[in-house]
C-alpha atoms as a PDB file:
ATOM      1  CA  UNK A   1      69.315 -30.071  42.893  1.00  0.00           C
ATOM      2  CA  UNK A   2      67.832 -28.697  46.098  1.00  0.00           C
ATOM      3  CA  UNK A   3      67.467 -31.084  49.015  1.00  0.00           C
ATOM      4  CA  UNK A   4      64.231 -30.722  50.937  1.00  0.00           C
ATOM      5  CA  UNK A   5      63.856 -31.364  54.611  1.00  0.00           C
ATOM      6  CA  UNK A   6      60.286 -32.297  55.399  1.00  0.00           C
ATOM      7  CA  UNK A   7      58.982 -31.982  58.929  1.00  0.00           C
ATOM      8  CA  UNK A   8      56.022 -34.325  59.194  1.00  0.00           C
ATOM      9  CA  UNK A   9      54.631 -32.501  62.227  1.00  0.00           C
ATOM     10  CA  UNK A  10      54.525 -29.048  60.662  1.00  0.00           C
ATOM     11  CA  UNK A  11      50.848 -29.102  59.546  1.00  0.00           C
ATOM     12  CA  UNK A  12      49.831 -30.285  63.000  1.00  0.00           C
ATOM     13  CA  UNK A  13      51.919 -27.578  64.614  1.00  0.00           C
ATOM     14  CA  UNK A  14      50.283 -24.968  62.398  1.00  0.00           C
ATOM     15  CA  UNK A  15      46.822 -26.251  63.262  1.00  0.00           C
ATOM     16  CA  UNK A  16      47.517 -26.294  66.987  1.00  0.00           C
ATOM     17  CA  UNK A  17      49.330 -22.954  67.122  1.00  0.00           C
ATOM     18  CA  UNK A  18      47.529 -20.881  69.732  1.00  0.00           C
ATOM     19  CA  UNK A  19      44.736 -23.427  70.167  1.00  0.00           C
ATOM     20  CA  UNK A  20      44.970 -23.261  73.945  1.00  0.00           C
ATOM     21  CA  UNK A  21      44.569 -19.491  74.144  1.00  0.00           C
ATOM     22  CA  UNK A  22      41.124 -18.151  74.961  1.00  0.00           C
ATOM     23  CA  UNK A  23      41.295 -15.820  71.951  1.00  0.00           C
ATOM     24  CA  UNK A  24      41.388 -18.827  69.632  1.00  0.00           C
ATOM     25  CA  UNK A  25      37.972 -19.969  70.818  1.00  0.00           C
ATOM     26  CA  UNK A  26      36.453 -16.504  70.416  1.00  0.00           C
ATOM     27  CA  UNK A  27      37.295 -16.081  66.723  1.00  0.00           C
ATOM     28  CA  UNK A  28      34.542 -16.054  64.142  1.00  0.00           C
ATOM     29  CA  UNK A  29      34.025 -18.736  61.498  1.00  0.00           C
ATOM     30  CA  UNK A  30      35.709 -16.813  58.679  1.00  0.00           C
ATOM     31  CA  UNK A  31      38.966 -16.498  60.598  1.00  0.00           C
ATOM     32  CA  UNK A  32      38.981 -20.192  61.437  1.00  0.00           C
ATOM     33  CA  UNK A  33      38.181 -21.078  57.819  1.00  0.00           C
ATOM     34  CA  UNK A  34      41.145 -18.973  56.652  1.00  0.00           C
ATOM     35  CA  UNK A  35      43.455 -20.728  59.112  1.00  0.00           C
ATOM     36  CA  UNK A  36      42.154 -24.107  57.983  1.00  0.00           C
ATOM     37  CA  UNK A  37      42.768 -23.192  54.349  1.00  0.00           C
ATOM     38  CA  UNK A  38      46.305 -22.057  55.187  1.00  0.00           C
ATOM     39  CA  UNK A  39      47.044 -25.333  56.990  1.00  0.00           C
ATOM     40  CA  UNK A  40      45.637 -27.288  54.025  1.00  0.00           C
ATOM     41  CA  UNK A  41      47.853 -25.396  51.551  1.00  0.00           C
ATOM     42  CA  UNK A  42      50.939 -25.913  53.711  1.00  0.00           C
ATOM     43  CA  UNK A  43      50.143 -29.613  53.975  1.00  0.00           C
ATOM     44  CA  UNK A  44      49.823 -29.896  50.192  1.00  0.00           C
ATOM     45  CA  UNK A  45      53.191 -28.182  49.736  1.00  0.00           C
ATOM     46  CA  UNK A  46      54.862 -30.500  52.236  1.00  0.00           C
ATOM     47  CA  UNK A  47      53.396 -33.586  50.568  1.00  0.00           C
ATOM     48  CA  UNK A  48      54.629 -32.369  47.172  1.00  0.00           C
ATOM     49  CA  UNK A  49      58.121 -31.763  48.579  1.00  0.00           C
ATOM     50  CA  UNK A  50      58.132 -35.215  50.160  1.00  0.00           C
ATOM     51  CA  UNK A  51      57.126 -36.803  46.838  1.00  0.00           C
ATOM     52  CA  UNK A  52      59.962 -35.014  45.011  1.00  0.00           C
ATOM     53  CA  UNK A  53      62.451 -36.115  47.644  1.00  0.00           C
ATOM     54  CA  UNK A  54      61.211 -39.705  47.462  1.00  0.00           C
ATOM     55  CA  UNK A  55      61.467 -39.793  43.654  1.00  0.00           C
ATOM     56  CA  UNK A  56      64.988 -38.366  43.839  1.00  0.00           C
ATOM     57  CA  UNK A  57      66.060 -41.043  46.321  1.00  0.00           C
ATOM     58  CA  UNK A  58      64.483 -43.838  44.257  1.00  0.00           C
ATOM     59  CA  UNK A  59      66.064 -42.635  41.013  1.00  0.00           C
ATOM     60  CA  UNK A  60      69.503 -42.317  42.641  1.00  0.00           C
ATOM     61  CA  UNK A  61      69.693 -46.101  42.978  1.00  0.00           C
ATOM     62  CA  UNK A  62      68.669 -46.857  39.410  1.00  0.00           C
ATOM     63  CA  UNK A  63      71.162 -47.681  36.705  1.00  0.00           C
ATOM     64  CA  UNK A  64      70.749 -48.180  33.010  1.00  0.00           C
ATOM     65  CA  UNK A  65      71.135 -51.768  31.843  1.00  0.00           C
ATOM     66  CA  UNK A  66      72.288 -52.419  28.304  1.00  0.00           C
ATOM     67  CA  UNK A  67      71.755 -55.772  26.676  1.00  0.00           C
ATOM     68  CA  UNK A  68      73.566 -57.056  23.626  1.00  0.00           C
ATOM     69  CA  UNK A  69      72.222 -59.576  21.172  1.00  0.00           C
ATOM     70  CA  UNK A  70      74.765 -62.345  20.563  1.00  0.00           C
END
């Protein structure tokens, strides 16, 4: 099984990448919409990875209990 490392700040870092440059403010709406869509997709992937990791950790502590009728 592959272990995932999830960086909770990654979507924010992607969104803020280059935000302080003057070129960022001069881009047209289509370019900004594409960047927004990319950030949204990356966020969805990270959430899915985090869910898988969480389920794996929860299931690791479970054990099967067998009961016998006496």
